[in-house]
Amino acid sequence: MAERIADVSRNTLETQIRVRVNLDGTGRAQLATGIPFLDHMLDQVARHGLVDLDIEAKGDLHIDAHHTVEDIGITLGQAIARALGDKAGLVRYGHAYVPLDEALSRVVVDLSGRPGLEFHVPFVRAMIGEFDVDLFHEFFQGLVNHAMLTLHIDNLRGQNAHHQAETVFKAFGRALRMAVAVDARQSGAMPSTKGSL
C-alpha cells in the first residue's frame, strides 16, 4: 500500500498554515498554532487516531482566533483528503464513544465524498480559558468541507466545558482511525455501490 501522507500549505492575507498528516502514524504530534488549547485538542486527535500531525500556523490572532482556527480546519481537511487517495479498500465508516469523568461524546464519520456536519455540543460555558468554544464548529465545518466527509458530533452529557471538548476531539480521533483503516476483505474494492467516493 502506498504511503498515506500529505503535506498541504494554505497562505492568505489572514493566515499562513502548513499541515502534514500521516494516516498510518503512531500518534505523534508537533503543533504550533499559536492557540494553546487548540494544540491540546489536536494532540488528542493524533494520539487517539494514531495519525501523525505536524501543524504550523501563523494568523491574525491580534484580531481573534477565528481565521486561524477555521483555516487550520480547512487545511487539515485538505491534507486528509489528499492522504486518503481514492479510498479503495477502506473501512469507510467509523464511530466512537469517549467519556472523560462526567462528560460523554459520540462521533460518527463517513468518508462519503460528501461534506456534511451535524454538530450538537451544548457547551456549559462560552470560553475555555481564552478560547471561544464557538470556534470548534468553525474548525469542524472547514475540515468536513475540504476532507469531503460526513461527520456527526454529539456531546451526550457534560458539566465541564474542557471535558466536553476533550471527549469530542478524542472521539473524532478514534472514529477517524476506524474509518481510514484498510479492510483486508475489501481487496482494494471501493466501499460503495456507486463505485466511487
N, C-alpha and C. Protein backbone atom coordinates (compact mmCIF):
# COMPACT_ATOMS: atom_id res chain seq x y z
N MET A 1 0.84 -1.19 0.00
CA MET A 1 0.00 0.00 0.00
C MET A 1 0.88 1.25 0.00
N ALA A 2 0.51 2.21 -0.80
CA ALA A 2 1.26 3.46 -0.87
C ALA A 2 1.16 4.21 0.45
N GLU A 3 2.19 5.02 0.72
CA GLU A 3 2.16 5.83 1.94
C GLU A 3 0.99 6.79 1.89
N ARG A 4 0.29 6.88 3.00
CA ARG A 4 -0.86 7.80 3.07
C ARG A 4 -0.43 9.03 3.86
N ILE A 5 0.36 9.84 3.18
CA ILE A 5 0.95 11.04 3.77
C ILE A 5 0.63 12.21 2.86
N ALA A 6 0.31 13.34 3.43
CA ALA A 6 0.09 14.55 2.63
C ALA A 6 0.65 15.75 3.37
N ASP A 7 1.12 16.71 2.60
CA ASP A 7 1.68 17.96 3.12
C ASP A 7 1.00 19.09 2.36
N VAL A 8 0.26 19.92 3.07
CA VAL A 8 -0.54 20.97 2.43
C VAL A 8 -0.25 22.31 3.09
N SER A 9 -0.10 23.34 2.27
CA SER A 9 0.06 24.71 2.77
C SER A 9 -1.10 25.57 2.29
N ARG A 10 -1.49 26.51 3.13
CA ARG A 10 -2.54 27.47 2.78
C ARG A 10 -2.07 28.84 3.24
N ASN A 11 -1.97 29.77 2.31
CA ASN A 11 -1.50 31.11 2.63
C ASN A 11 -2.50 32.15 2.15
N THR A 12 -2.98 32.94 3.09
CA THR A 12 -3.90 34.03 2.77
C THR A 12 -3.38 35.30 3.44
N LEU A 13 -4.09 36.38 3.26
CA LEU A 13 -3.73 37.62 3.94
C LEU A 13 -3.95 37.53 5.44
N GLU A 14 -4.76 36.53 5.87
CA GLU A 14 -5.09 36.38 7.29
C GLU A 14 -4.26 35.31 7.99
N THR A 15 -3.90 34.26 7.27
CA THR A 15 -3.21 33.13 7.90
C THR A 15 -2.19 32.50 6.96
N GLN A 16 -1.21 31.87 7.58
CA GLN A 16 -0.26 31.02 6.86
C GLN A 16 -0.23 29.69 7.61
N ILE A 17 -0.70 28.64 6.94
CA ILE A 17 -0.88 27.34 7.59
C ILE A 17 -0.12 26.28 6.80
N ARG A 18 0.53 25.37 7.53
CA ARG A 18 1.13 24.18 6.91
C ARG A 18 0.74 22.97 7.75
N VAL A 19 0.20 21.97 7.08
CA VAL A 19 -0.24 20.74 7.74
C VAL A 19 0.39 19.55 7.03
N ARG A 20 0.99 18.68 7.81
CA ARG A 20 1.47 17.39 7.29
C ARG A 20 0.79 16.30 8.10
N VAL A 21 0.18 15.35 7.41
CA VAL A 21 -0.54 14.27 8.08
C VAL A 21 -0.07 12.93 7.54
N ASN A 22 0.10 11.99 8.44
CA ASN A 22 0.40 10.60 8.09
C ASN A 22 -0.68 9.74 8.72
N LEU A 23 -1.56 9.19 7.88
CA LEU A 23 -2.70 8.42 8.39
C LEU A 23 -2.27 7.08 8.99
N ASP A 24 -1.04 6.66 8.72
CA ASP A 24 -0.54 5.40 9.26
C ASP A 24 0.57 5.65 10.27
N GLY A 25 0.39 6.67 11.06
CA GLY A 25 1.41 7.07 12.02
C GLY A 25 1.29 6.34 13.35
N THR A 26 1.90 6.95 14.34
CA THR A 26 1.93 6.36 15.68
C THR A 26 1.30 7.27 16.74
N GLY A 27 0.73 8.38 16.28
CA GLY A 27 0.10 9.31 17.22
C GLY A 27 0.99 10.46 17.63
N ARG A 28 2.05 10.70 16.87
CA ARG A 28 2.99 11.78 17.18
C ARG A 28 2.44 13.11 16.66
N ALA A 29 2.60 14.15 17.45
CA ALA A 29 2.13 15.47 17.04
C ALA A 29 3.19 16.53 17.32
N GLN A 30 3.40 17.40 16.34
CA GLN A 30 4.19 18.61 16.52
C GLN A 30 3.28 19.76 16.13
N LEU A 31 2.89 20.55 17.13
CA LEU A 31 1.83 21.53 16.93
C LEU A 31 2.30 22.90 17.38
N ALA A 32 2.11 23.88 16.50
CA ALA A 32 2.47 25.26 16.82
C ALA A 32 1.46 26.16 16.14
N THR A 33 0.26 26.23 16.70
CA THR A 33 -0.80 27.03 16.09
C THR A 33 -0.88 28.44 16.67
N GLY A 34 -0.21 28.67 17.78
CA GLY A 34 -0.36 29.94 18.47
C GLY A 34 -1.57 29.97 19.39
N ILE A 35 -2.31 28.85 19.43
CA ILE A 35 -3.53 28.75 20.25
C ILE A 35 -3.37 27.51 21.13
N PRO A 36 -2.89 27.67 22.35
CA PRO A 36 -2.54 26.51 23.16
C PRO A 36 -3.67 25.49 23.36
N PHE A 37 -4.89 25.95 23.57
CA PHE A 37 -5.96 24.98 23.80
C PHE A 37 -6.26 24.19 22.54
N LEU A 38 -6.17 24.82 21.37
CA LEU A 38 -6.36 24.08 20.12
C LEU A 38 -5.25 23.06 19.94
N ASP A 39 -4.01 23.42 20.28
CA ASP A 39 -2.91 22.46 20.23
C ASP A 39 -3.24 21.24 21.10
N HIS A 40 -3.76 21.49 22.28
CA HIS A 40 -4.12 20.40 23.20
C HIS A 40 -5.17 19.49 22.57
N MET A 41 -6.16 20.06 21.88
CA MET A 41 -7.21 19.27 21.25
C MET A 41 -6.67 18.49 20.05
N LEU A 42 -5.83 19.12 19.24
CA LEU A 42 -5.26 18.44 18.07
C LEU A 42 -4.35 17.30 18.50
N ASP A 43 -3.69 17.47 19.63
CA ASP A 43 -2.86 16.40 20.17
C ASP A 43 -3.71 15.17 20.49
N GLN A 44 -4.95 15.40 20.94
CA GLN A 44 -5.86 14.28 21.21
C GLN A 44 -6.19 13.52 19.92
N VAL A 45 -6.43 14.27 18.84
CA VAL A 45 -6.74 13.63 17.56
C VAL A 45 -5.58 12.74 17.12
N ALA A 46 -4.36 13.28 17.20
CA ALA A 46 -3.19 12.49 16.80
C ALA A 46 -3.04 11.26 17.68
N ARG A 47 -3.06 11.45 18.99
CA ARG A 47 -2.79 10.36 19.93
C ARG A 47 -3.83 9.26 19.82
N HIS A 48 -5.10 9.64 19.78
CA HIS A 48 -6.16 8.64 19.79
C HIS A 48 -6.52 8.15 18.39
N GLY A 49 -6.15 8.92 17.37
CA GLY A 49 -6.38 8.49 16.00
C GLY A 49 -5.21 7.74 15.40
N LEU A 50 -4.08 7.69 16.13
CA LEU A 50 -2.84 7.09 15.62
C LEU A 50 -2.47 7.67 14.26
N VAL A 51 -2.64 8.98 14.13
CA VAL A 51 -2.14 9.70 12.96
C VAL A 51 -1.04 10.63 13.44
N ASP A 52 -0.05 10.84 12.58
CA ASP A 52 0.98 11.81 12.89
C ASP A 52 0.55 13.15 12.31
N LEU A 53 0.63 14.19 13.15
CA LEU A 53 0.21 15.53 12.73
C LEU A 53 1.33 16.53 12.97
N ASP A 54 1.68 17.27 11.93
CA ASP A 54 2.57 18.42 12.07
C ASP A 54 1.80 19.62 11.57
N ILE A 55 1.54 20.56 12.46
CA ILE A 55 0.77 21.75 12.08
C ILE A 55 1.49 22.99 12.57
N GLU A 56 1.77 23.87 11.63
CA GLU A 56 2.33 25.18 11.95
C GLU A 56 1.36 26.23 11.43
N ALA A 57 1.06 27.21 12.26
CA ALA A 57 0.11 28.24 11.85
C ALA A 57 0.53 29.60 12.39
N LYS A 58 0.42 30.58 11.52
CA LYS A 58 0.56 31.97 11.93
C LYS A 58 -0.68 32.68 11.41
N GLY A 59 -1.35 33.37 12.33
CA GLY A 59 -2.58 34.03 11.93
C GLY A 59 -2.75 35.36 12.62
N ASP A 60 -3.84 36.04 12.28
CA ASP A 60 -4.12 37.37 12.82
C ASP A 60 -4.75 37.25 14.21
N LEU A 61 -4.00 36.66 15.12
CA LEU A 61 -4.51 36.45 16.47
C LEU A 61 -4.69 37.75 17.24
N HIS A 62 -4.11 38.84 16.75
CA HIS A 62 -4.34 40.14 17.38
C HIS A 62 -5.78 40.59 17.19
N ILE A 63 -6.47 40.02 16.18
CA ILE A 63 -7.89 40.30 15.99
C ILE A 63 -8.69 39.33 16.86
N ASP A 64 -8.63 38.08 16.51
CA ASP A 64 -9.12 36.98 17.35
C ASP A 64 -8.67 35.69 16.69
N ALA A 65 -9.10 34.55 17.22
CA ALA A 65 -8.60 33.26 16.74
C ALA A 65 -9.43 32.67 15.61
N HIS A 66 -10.49 33.35 15.20
CA HIS A 66 -11.44 32.78 14.24
C HIS A 66 -10.78 32.33 12.94
N HIS A 67 -10.07 33.24 12.28
CA HIS A 67 -9.49 32.90 10.98
C HIS A 67 -8.50 31.76 11.10
N THR A 68 -7.70 31.78 12.15
CA THR A 68 -6.67 30.75 12.33
C THR A 68 -7.30 29.39 12.57
N VAL A 69 -8.28 29.32 13.44
CA VAL A 69 -8.93 28.03 13.75
C VAL A 69 -9.63 27.48 12.52
N GLU A 70 -10.39 28.32 11.83
CA GLU A 70 -11.10 27.87 10.64
C GLU A 70 -10.13 27.40 9.56
N ASP A 71 -9.06 28.16 9.34
CA ASP A 71 -8.13 27.81 8.27
C ASP A 71 -7.31 26.57 8.59
N ILE A 72 -7.06 26.31 9.88
CA ILE A 72 -6.42 25.05 10.25
C ILE A 72 -7.36 23.89 9.93
N GLY A 73 -8.65 24.05 10.22
CA GLY A 73 -9.62 23.02 9.85
C GLY A 73 -9.65 22.77 8.35
N ILE A 74 -9.65 23.85 7.57
CA ILE A 74 -9.65 23.73 6.11
C ILE A 74 -8.41 22.98 5.63
N THR A 75 -7.25 23.38 6.12
CA THR A 75 -6.00 22.80 5.65
C THR A 75 -5.86 21.35 6.10
N LEU A 76 -6.26 21.06 7.32
CA LEU A 76 -6.24 19.67 7.78
C LEU A 76 -7.18 18.82 6.94
N GLY A 77 -8.35 19.35 6.62
CA GLY A 77 -9.28 18.63 5.75
C GLY A 77 -8.68 18.34 4.39
N GLN A 78 -7.99 19.31 3.80
CA GLN A 78 -7.35 19.11 2.51
C GLN A 78 -6.27 18.03 2.60
N ALA A 79 -5.52 18.04 3.70
CA ALA A 79 -4.46 17.05 3.88
C ALA A 79 -5.03 15.65 4.04
N ILE A 80 -6.10 15.52 4.82
CA ILE A 80 -6.74 14.22 4.99
C ILE A 80 -7.24 13.70 3.65
N ALA A 81 -7.92 14.55 2.87
CA ALA A 81 -8.44 14.14 1.57
C ALA A 81 -7.33 13.67 0.65
N ARG A 82 -6.23 14.42 0.63
CA ARG A 82 -5.11 14.05 -0.24
C ARG A 82 -4.47 12.74 0.21
N ALA A 83 -4.32 12.57 1.53
CA ALA A 83 -3.70 11.34 2.04
C ALA A 83 -4.57 10.12 1.79
N LEU A 84 -5.88 10.29 1.78
CA LEU A 84 -6.78 9.15 1.58
C LEU A 84 -6.74 8.61 0.16
N GLY A 85 -6.41 9.44 -0.80
CA GLY A 85 -6.41 8.99 -2.19
C GLY A 85 -7.80 8.64 -2.65
N ASP A 86 -7.93 7.51 -3.38
CA ASP A 86 -9.25 7.17 -3.93
C ASP A 86 -10.14 6.42 -2.95
N LYS A 87 -9.63 6.11 -1.76
CA LYS A 87 -10.37 5.46 -0.67
C LYS A 87 -10.69 3.98 -0.91
N ALA A 88 -10.14 3.40 -1.95
CA ALA A 88 -10.39 1.98 -2.22
C ALA A 88 -9.85 1.13 -1.07
N GLY A 89 -10.65 0.15 -0.68
CA GLY A 89 -10.24 -0.80 0.35
C GLY A 89 -10.38 -0.33 1.78
N LEU A 90 -10.92 0.85 1.99
CA LEU A 90 -11.03 1.38 3.34
C LEU A 90 -12.30 0.89 4.04
N VAL A 91 -12.28 0.92 5.35
CA VAL A 91 -13.47 0.60 6.13
C VAL A 91 -14.58 1.61 5.81
N ARG A 92 -14.24 2.87 5.65
CA ARG A 92 -15.11 4.00 5.28
C ARG A 92 -15.85 4.60 6.46
N TYR A 93 -16.46 3.80 7.30
CA TYR A 93 -17.23 4.31 8.43
C TYR A 93 -16.44 4.16 9.73
N GLY A 94 -16.62 5.10 10.63
CA GLY A 94 -16.01 4.99 11.94
C GLY A 94 -16.88 5.65 12.98
N HIS A 95 -16.82 5.14 14.19
CA HIS A 95 -17.60 5.74 15.28
C HIS A 95 -16.87 5.51 16.60
N ALA A 96 -17.13 6.39 17.54
CA ALA A 96 -16.52 6.24 18.86
C ALA A 96 -17.35 6.97 19.89
N TYR A 97 -17.45 6.34 21.06
CA TYR A 97 -17.95 6.99 22.27
C TYR A 97 -16.74 7.18 23.19
N VAL A 98 -16.55 8.38 23.70
CA VAL A 98 -15.43 8.63 24.61
C VAL A 98 -15.93 9.39 25.83
N PRO A 99 -15.67 8.85 27.03
CA PRO A 99 -16.00 9.56 28.26
C PRO A 99 -14.77 10.26 28.83
N LEU A 100 -15.01 11.27 29.60
CA LEU A 100 -13.98 11.86 30.46
C LEU A 100 -14.72 12.33 31.71
N ASP A 101 -14.57 11.60 32.78
CA ASP A 101 -15.30 11.88 34.02
C ASP A 101 -16.80 11.98 33.71
N GLU A 102 -17.42 13.13 33.92
CA GLU A 102 -18.87 13.25 33.75
C GLU A 102 -19.29 13.46 32.30
N ALA A 103 -18.34 13.75 31.41
CA ALA A 103 -18.66 14.08 30.02
C ALA A 103 -18.60 12.84 29.14
N LEU A 104 -19.46 12.82 28.12
CA LEU A 104 -19.50 11.71 27.17
C LEU A 104 -19.87 12.27 25.80
N SER A 105 -19.06 11.93 24.80
CA SER A 105 -19.34 12.35 23.43
C SER A 105 -19.31 11.17 22.48
N ARG A 106 -20.10 11.32 21.41
CA ARG A 106 -20.16 10.33 20.33
C ARG A 106 -19.82 11.04 19.02
N VAL A 107 -18.93 10.43 18.24
CA VAL A 107 -18.58 10.97 16.93
C VAL A 107 -18.69 9.84 15.91
N VAL A 108 -19.34 10.13 14.79
CA VAL A 108 -19.51 9.17 13.70
C VAL A 108 -19.00 9.80 12.42
N VAL A 109 -18.16 9.06 11.68
CA VAL A 109 -17.52 9.54 10.46
C VAL A 109 -17.92 8.65 9.29
N ASP A 110 -18.19 9.27 8.14
CA ASP A 110 -18.37 8.55 6.88
C ASP A 110 -17.50 9.24 5.84
N LEU A 111 -16.55 8.51 5.28
CA LEU A 111 -15.69 9.07 4.23
C LEU A 111 -16.46 9.05 2.91
N SER A 112 -17.55 9.78 2.91
CA SER A 112 -18.59 9.68 1.88
C SER A 112 -18.28 10.39 0.58
N GLY A 113 -17.35 11.33 0.61
CA GLY A 113 -17.17 12.20 -0.55
C GLY A 113 -18.16 13.35 -0.57
N ARG A 114 -18.99 13.42 0.45
CA ARG A 114 -19.99 14.49 0.56
C ARG A 114 -19.78 15.21 1.89
N PRO A 115 -19.54 16.50 1.85
CA PRO A 115 -19.33 17.22 3.11
C PRO A 115 -20.64 17.43 3.85
N GLY A 116 -20.64 17.05 5.12
CA GLY A 116 -21.82 17.28 5.94
C GLY A 116 -21.43 17.26 7.41
N LEU A 117 -21.92 18.23 8.15
CA LEU A 117 -21.60 18.32 9.57
C LEU A 117 -22.88 18.48 10.38
N GLU A 118 -23.04 17.60 11.36
CA GLU A 118 -24.05 17.76 12.41
C GLU A 118 -23.27 17.92 13.71
N PHE A 119 -23.36 19.10 14.30
CA PHE A 119 -22.55 19.44 15.47
C PHE A 119 -23.48 19.83 16.60
N HIS A 120 -23.58 18.97 17.59
CA HIS A 120 -24.50 19.21 18.70
C HIS A 120 -23.72 19.09 20.02
N VAL A 121 -23.14 20.21 20.40
CA VAL A 121 -22.32 20.27 21.60
C VAL A 121 -22.79 21.46 22.44
N PRO A 122 -23.64 21.21 23.44
CA PRO A 122 -24.16 22.29 24.28
C PRO A 122 -23.14 22.66 25.38
N PHE A 123 -22.13 23.41 24.98
CA PHE A 123 -21.09 23.78 25.94
C PHE A 123 -21.70 24.52 27.13
N VAL A 124 -21.20 24.20 28.31
CA VAL A 124 -21.76 24.79 29.53
C VAL A 124 -21.23 26.20 29.77
N ARG A 125 -20.20 26.59 29.05
CA ARG A 125 -19.75 27.98 29.11
C ARG A 125 -19.15 28.38 27.77
N ALA A 126 -19.06 29.66 27.53
CA ALA A 126 -18.66 30.17 26.22
C ALA A 126 -17.16 30.19 26.00
N MET A 127 -16.39 30.21 27.06
CA MET A 127 -14.94 30.29 26.94
C MET A 127 -14.29 29.18 27.76
N ILE A 128 -13.22 28.61 27.18
CA ILE A 128 -12.35 27.72 27.94
C ILE A 128 -11.01 28.44 28.02
N GLY A 129 -10.74 29.03 29.16
CA GLY A 129 -9.60 29.94 29.24
C GLY A 129 -9.83 31.11 28.30
N GLU A 130 -8.95 31.26 27.32
CA GLU A 130 -9.10 32.35 26.34
C GLU A 130 -9.68 31.84 25.03
N PHE A 131 -10.12 30.59 24.98
CA PHE A 131 -10.62 30.00 23.74
C PHE A 131 -12.14 30.08 23.67
N ASP A 132 -12.65 30.65 22.58
CA ASP A 132 -14.09 30.78 22.33
C ASP A 132 -14.60 29.45 21.77
N VAL A 133 -15.49 28.79 22.50
CA VAL A 133 -15.94 27.46 22.09
C VAL A 133 -16.72 27.47 20.77
N ASP A 134 -17.26 28.62 20.35
CA ASP A 134 -17.92 28.70 19.05
C ASP A 134 -16.98 28.30 17.91
N LEU A 135 -15.68 28.47 18.12
CA LEU A 135 -14.72 28.20 17.06
C LEU A 135 -14.56 26.72 16.77
N PHE A 136 -14.97 25.85 17.68
CA PHE A 136 -14.90 24.42 17.39
C PHE A 136 -15.80 24.06 16.21
N HIS A 137 -16.97 24.66 16.15
CA HIS A 137 -17.86 24.42 15.00
C HIS A 137 -17.18 24.87 13.72
N GLU A 138 -16.54 26.03 13.74
CA GLU A 138 -15.87 26.54 12.54
C GLU A 138 -14.74 25.62 12.12
N PHE A 139 -14.00 25.09 13.08
CA PHE A 139 -12.92 24.15 12.78
C PHE A 139 -13.46 22.92 12.05
N PHE A 140 -14.49 22.29 12.62
CA PHE A 140 -15.01 21.07 12.03
C PHE A 140 -15.73 21.34 10.70
N GLN A 141 -16.36 22.50 10.56
CA GLN A 141 -17.01 22.83 9.29
C GLN A 141 -15.97 22.97 8.19
N GLY A 142 -14.88 23.65 8.48
CA GLY A 142 -13.80 23.76 7.50
C GLY A 142 -13.23 22.40 7.15
N LEU A 143 -13.07 21.55 8.17
CA LEU A 143 -12.50 20.22 7.94
C LEU A 143 -13.40 19.37 7.06
N VAL A 144 -14.70 19.30 7.37
CA VAL A 144 -15.57 18.42 6.57
C VAL A 144 -15.73 18.93 5.15
N ASN A 145 -15.75 20.25 4.98
CA ASN A 145 -15.91 20.81 3.64
C ASN A 145 -14.76 20.43 2.73
N HIS A 146 -13.58 20.28 3.29
CA HIS A 146 -12.40 20.04 2.47
C HIS A 146 -11.90 18.60 2.52
N ALA A 147 -12.24 17.86 3.57
CA ALA A 147 -11.94 16.43 3.60
C ALA A 147 -13.01 15.64 2.85
N MET A 148 -14.12 16.30 2.56
CA MET A 148 -15.25 15.67 1.86
C MET A 148 -15.74 14.44 2.62
N LEU A 149 -16.06 14.68 3.90
CA LEU A 149 -16.60 13.59 4.72
C LEU A 149 -17.83 14.07 5.47
N THR A 150 -18.62 13.11 5.91
CA THR A 150 -19.78 13.38 6.74
C THR A 150 -19.40 13.12 8.19
N LEU A 151 -19.77 14.06 9.06
CA LEU A 151 -19.34 13.99 10.46
C LEU A 151 -20.50 14.36 11.37
N HIS A 152 -20.82 13.45 12.27
CA HIS A 152 -21.84 13.71 13.29
C HIS A 152 -21.14 13.76 14.65
N ILE A 153 -21.29 14.88 15.33
CA ILE A 153 -20.67 15.08 16.64
C ILE A 153 -21.76 15.39 17.65
N ASP A 154 -21.85 14.56 18.68
CA ASP A 154 -22.84 14.77 19.73
C ASP A 154 -22.18 14.66 21.09
N ASN A 155 -22.24 15.74 21.86
CA ASN A 155 -21.86 15.64 23.26
C ASN A 155 -23.12 15.23 24.02
N LEU A 156 -23.11 14.04 24.57
CA LEU A 156 -24.31 13.48 25.18
C LEU A 156 -24.55 13.99 26.59
N ARG A 157 -23.44 14.32 27.28
CA ARG A 157 -23.57 14.92 28.60
C ARG A 157 -22.24 15.54 28.99
N GLY A 158 -22.30 16.47 29.90
CA GLY A 158 -21.08 17.09 30.40
C GLY A 158 -21.40 18.33 31.20
N GLN A 159 -20.62 18.55 32.25
CA GLN A 159 -20.79 19.73 33.10
C GLN A 159 -19.54 20.58 33.15
N ASN A 160 -18.52 20.16 32.41
CA ASN A 160 -17.25 20.87 32.38
C ASN A 160 -16.88 21.05 30.91
N ALA A 161 -16.75 22.30 30.46
CA ALA A 161 -16.54 22.58 29.04
C ALA A 161 -15.24 21.98 28.53
N HIS A 162 -14.20 21.98 29.34
CA HIS A 162 -12.94 21.35 28.94
C HIS A 162 -13.15 19.86 28.68
N HIS A 163 -13.85 19.20 29.57
CA HIS A 163 -14.14 17.78 29.39
C HIS A 163 -14.99 17.54 28.15
N GLN A 164 -15.98 18.40 27.92
CA GLN A 164 -16.82 18.26 26.73
C GLN A 164 -15.97 18.32 25.46
N ALA A 165 -15.11 19.33 25.38
CA ALA A 165 -14.27 19.50 24.19
C ALA A 165 -13.32 18.32 24.03
N GLU A 166 -12.72 17.90 25.11
CA GLU A 166 -11.72 16.83 25.02
C GLU A 166 -12.35 15.52 24.57
N THR A 167 -13.56 15.23 25.06
CA THR A 167 -14.22 14.00 24.61
C THR A 167 -14.56 14.06 23.13
N VAL A 168 -14.93 15.24 22.63
CA VAL A 168 -15.23 15.40 21.21
C VAL A 168 -13.99 15.10 20.37
N PHE A 169 -12.86 15.70 20.72
CA PHE A 169 -11.67 15.53 19.90
C PHE A 169 -11.09 14.12 20.02
N LYS A 170 -11.13 13.53 21.21
CA LYS A 170 -10.69 12.15 21.34
C LYS A 170 -11.57 11.22 20.52
N ALA A 171 -12.88 11.42 20.59
CA ALA A 171 -13.80 10.57 19.84
C ALA A 171 -13.62 10.77 18.33
N PHE A 172 -13.35 12.00 17.92
CA PHE A 172 -13.09 12.22 16.49
C PHE A 172 -11.86 11.45 16.05
N GLY A 173 -10.80 11.50 16.84
CA GLY A 173 -9.59 10.75 16.52
C GLY A 173 -9.87 9.26 16.40
N ARG A 174 -10.59 8.71 17.36
CA ARG A 174 -10.89 7.28 17.35
C ARG A 174 -11.78 6.89 16.16
N ALA A 175 -12.77 7.72 15.86
CA ALA A 175 -13.67 7.43 14.74
C ALA A 175 -12.92 7.53 13.42
N LEU A 176 -12.06 8.52 13.28
CA LEU A 176 -11.28 8.67 12.05
C LEU A 176 -10.34 7.47 11.88
N ARG A 177 -9.72 7.05 12.97
CA ARG A 177 -8.83 5.89 12.94
C ARG A 177 -9.56 4.66 12.40
N MET A 178 -10.78 4.45 12.83
CA MET A 178 -11.57 3.31 12.37
C MET A 178 -11.91 3.46 10.89
N ALA A 179 -12.34 4.65 10.48
CA ALA A 179 -12.81 4.86 9.11
C ALA A 179 -11.69 4.73 8.08
N VAL A 180 -10.50 5.19 8.41
CA VAL A 180 -9.39 5.16 7.44
C VAL A 180 -8.65 3.84 7.42
N ALA A 181 -9.00 2.92 8.32
CA ALA A 181 -8.33 1.62 8.36
C ALA A 181 -8.58 0.87 7.05
N VAL A 182 -7.58 0.08 6.66
CA VAL A 182 -7.70 -0.74 5.46
C VAL A 182 -8.36 -2.06 5.85
N ASP A 183 -9.40 -2.43 5.11
CA ASP A 183 -10.13 -3.68 5.34
C ASP A 183 -9.60 -4.72 4.36
N ALA A 184 -8.87 -5.70 4.87
CA ALA A 184 -8.24 -6.71 4.01
C ALA A 184 -9.28 -7.47 3.18
N ARG A 185 -10.49 -7.58 3.70
CA ARG A 185 -11.53 -8.32 2.97
C ARG A 185 -12.04 -7.57 1.76
N GLN A 186 -11.79 -6.26 1.71
CA GLN A 186 -12.23 -5.47 0.57
C GLN A 186 -11.38 -5.74 -0.67
N SER A 187 -10.16 -6.22 -0.47
CA SER A 187 -9.23 -6.48 -1.58
C SER A 187 -9.10 -5.29 -2.51
N GLY A 188 -9.05 -4.11 -1.93
CA GLY A 188 -8.88 -2.90 -2.74
C GLY A 188 -10.15 -2.42 -3.41
N ALA A 189 -11.29 -3.05 -3.10
CA ALA A 189 -12.55 -2.64 -3.72
C ALA A 189 -13.04 -1.33 -3.10
N MET A 190 -13.84 -0.60 -3.84
CA MET A 190 -14.41 0.64 -3.35
C MET A 190 -15.57 0.32 -2.41
N PRO A 191 -15.56 0.90 -1.19
CA PRO A 191 -16.63 0.59 -0.23
C PRO A 191 -17.90 1.40 -0.51
N SER A 192 -18.43 1.23 -1.73
CA SER A 192 -19.64 1.95 -2.13
C SER A 192 -20.25 1.23 -3.33
N THR A 193 -21.58 1.13 -3.35
CA THR A 193 -22.24 0.52 -4.51
C THR A 193 -22.15 1.42 -5.74
N LYS A 194 -21.80 2.70 -5.53
CA LYS A 194 -21.66 3.61 -6.68
C LYS A 194 -20.34 3.39 -7.41
N GLY A 195 -19.38 2.74 -6.73
CA GLY A 195 -18.10 2.50 -7.35
C GLY A 195 -17.09 3.62 -7.15
N SER A 196 -17.50 4.66 -6.43
CA SER A 196 -16.57 5.76 -6.14
C SER A 196 -17.06 6.50 -4.89
N LEU A 197 -16.13 7.18 -4.26
CA LEU A 197 -16.47 8.00 -3.09
C LEU A 197 -15.89 9.39 -3.31
